[in-house]
Amino acid sequence: MVAIDVGSSNWKELVLDSKSPVIVDFWAPWCPWCTRLLPDFDSLSDEYTGRITFAKVNAEASPDIPSKYGVQGLPTLKFFCAGRPLAEIVGYVPRSTLKKQIDTMLSTHQDCLNQSSTLKQV
C-alpha cells in the first residue's frame, strides 16, 4: 500500500481521527532529500500495512498543516497517536533508522491510546 496523500480537506479524518498510529511525511516536490526518502517511505508502508497509516503532506499545497505543527525543515516525519504528534524526525534518515522509529511507535501505541483522550481542535 502506497502512502496516502493528505491535505487540508482530509487531515482531520485521516490523521487526527485515525484509530491507528499515523506517520506523516511533510515534503515538497523541489526537495531532493524528500525525493530520496520517498522509496523507503513507500516500501515501509507496504511492510507495515494494517498496523500503521503512512501519509504524505505536500507542504506547498497545504502550508497550513506544517505551519500548525511547527514544521521548519523538509522532509519532516511526524508520528501521531490519538490525534497528537508524539515524535518527529527532521531531515533524511536511512531506512533502518526510520524502521526502528516505527517499531518504537508501534510498541508504545497501546500505552498511548490508554493514556489519551480525544483532543479538540480549536
Protein backbone atom coordinates (compact mmCIF):
# COMPACT_ATOMS: atom_id res chain seq x y z
CA MET A 1 0.00 0.00 0.00
CA VAL A 2 1.46 3.33 -1.05
CA ALA A 3 1.24 6.19 1.43
CA ILE A 4 -1.94 8.24 1.22
CA ASP A 5 -1.93 11.89 0.18
CA VAL A 6 -3.31 14.13 2.89
CA GLY A 7 -4.21 17.80 2.65
CA SER A 8 -6.27 20.42 4.42
CA SER A 9 -9.56 18.85 3.35
CA ASN A 10 -8.91 15.37 4.79
CA TRP A 11 -6.31 15.98 7.54
CA LYS A 12 -8.74 15.64 10.44
CA GLU A 13 -10.38 12.49 9.09
CA LEU A 14 -7.22 10.63 8.03
CA VAL A 15 -4.71 11.73 10.68
CA LEU A 16 -6.35 13.25 13.74
CA ASP A 17 -9.31 10.85 13.89
CA SER A 18 -7.33 7.74 12.90
CA LYS A 19 -7.71 4.71 15.17
CA SER A 20 -4.24 3.51 14.18
CA PRO A 21 -0.92 5.30 14.62
CA VAL A 22 -0.03 7.57 11.71
CA ILE A 23 3.35 8.61 10.33
CA VAL A 24 3.17 11.78 8.25
CA ASP A 25 5.85 12.74 5.74
CA PHE A 26 5.93 16.51 5.19
CA TRP A 27 7.62 17.02 1.82
CA ALA A 28 7.86 19.29 -1.23
CA PRO A 29 8.49 18.48 -4.89
CA TRP A 30 11.64 20.64 -5.04
CA CYS A 31 13.25 18.92 -2.02
CA PRO A 32 16.00 16.42 -3.04
CA TRP A 33 16.08 14.74 0.39
CA CYS A 34 12.31 14.25 0.22
CA THR A 35 12.72 12.52 -3.13
CA ARG A 36 15.45 10.32 -1.69
CA LEU A 37 13.28 9.33 1.29
CA LEU A 38 10.17 8.51 -0.76
CA PRO A 39 11.12 4.98 -1.95
CA ASP A 40 11.88 3.87 1.62
CA PHE A 41 8.72 5.51 2.94
CA ASP A 42 6.57 3.77 0.31
CA SER A 43 8.36 0.45 0.83
CA LEU A 44 7.81 0.60 4.59
CA SER A 45 4.14 1.48 4.03
CA ASP A 46 3.82 -1.90 2.28
CA GLU A 47 5.68 -3.69 5.07
CA TYR A 48 3.52 -2.19 7.85
CA THR A 49 0.12 -2.35 6.10
CA GLY A 50 -2.66 -2.69 8.65
CA ARG A 51 -0.50 -1.66 11.61
CA ILE A 52 0.34 1.99 10.92
CA THR A 53 -1.01 4.51 8.42
CA PHE A 54 1.53 6.23 6.18
CA ALA A 55 0.52 9.69 4.96
CA LYS A 56 2.20 12.41 2.90
CA VAL A 57 1.53 16.13 3.05
CA ASN A 58 2.83 18.34 0.27
CA ALA A 59 3.97 21.35 2.32
CA GLU A 60 3.50 23.69 -0.65
CA ALA A 61 -0.04 22.55 -1.46
CA SER A 62 -1.25 22.59 2.18
CA PRO A 63 1.01 25.09 4.02
CA ASP A 64 -1.45 25.47 6.91
CA ILE A 65 -0.73 21.95 8.22
CA PRO A 66 3.07 22.14 8.50
CA SER A 67 2.73 25.65 9.92
CA LYS A 68 0.33 24.46 12.62
CA TYR A 69 2.69 21.64 13.65
CA GLY A 70 5.91 23.65 13.61
CA VAL A 71 7.49 22.01 10.58
CA GLN A 72 10.53 24.09 9.67
CA GLY A 73 12.59 21.74 7.52
CA LEU A 74 11.86 19.15 4.87
CA PRO A 75 11.50 16.30 4.96
CA THR A 76 9.94 16.08 8.42
CA LEU A 77 8.29 12.90 9.62
CA LYS A 78 5.82 13.21 12.48
CA PHE A 79 4.36 10.26 14.37
CA PHE A 80 0.76 10.71 15.55
CA CYS A 81 -1.21 8.76 18.16
CA ALA A 82 -4.79 9.61 19.10
CA GLY A 83 -4.62 12.86 17.14
CA ARG A 84 -1.44 14.27 18.63
CA PRO A 85 2.19 14.26 17.48
CA LEU A 86 4.43 12.17 19.70
CA ALA A 87 7.75 12.11 17.87
CA GLU A 88 9.44 13.50 14.81
CA ILE A 89 12.42 13.03 12.55
CA VAL A 90 13.72 16.08 10.70
CA GLY A 91 15.78 15.53 7.57
CA TYR A 92 16.65 12.43 5.63
CA VAL A 93 17.36 9.25 7.59
CA PRO A 94 18.30 5.81 6.31
CA ARG A 95 15.59 3.14 6.06
CA SER A 96 16.97 1.28 9.10
CA THR A 97 16.61 4.37 11.32
CA LEU A 98 13.09 5.01 10.09
CA LYS A 99 12.14 1.36 10.63
CA LYS A 100 13.48 1.47 14.19
CA GLN A 101 11.39 4.57 14.99
CA ILE A 102 8.27 2.95 13.50
CA ASP A 103 8.83 -0.17 15.62
CA THR A 104 9.20 2.01 18.72
CA MET A 105 5.96 3.82 17.87
CA LEU A 106 4.11 0.56 17.42
CA SER A 107 5.43 -0.85 20.71
CA THR A 108 4.14 2.19 22.64
CA HIS A 109 0.93 2.75 20.65
CA GLN A 110 -1.38 0.85 23.00
CA ASP A 111 0.00 2.74 26.01
CA CYS A 112 -0.58 5.98 24.11
CA LEU A 113 -4.20 5.06 23.42
CA ASN A 114 -4.81 4.01 27.02
CA GLN A 115 -3.47 7.32 28.32
CA SER A 116 -5.06 9.59 25.72
CA SER A 117 -8.33 11.33 25.34
CA THR A 118 -9.58 12.88 22.15
CA LEU A 119 -8.14 16.33 21.51
CA LYS A 120 -10.50 19.06 20.46
CA GLN A 121 -9.22 21.26 17.67
CA VAL A 122 -9.64 24.98 18.18
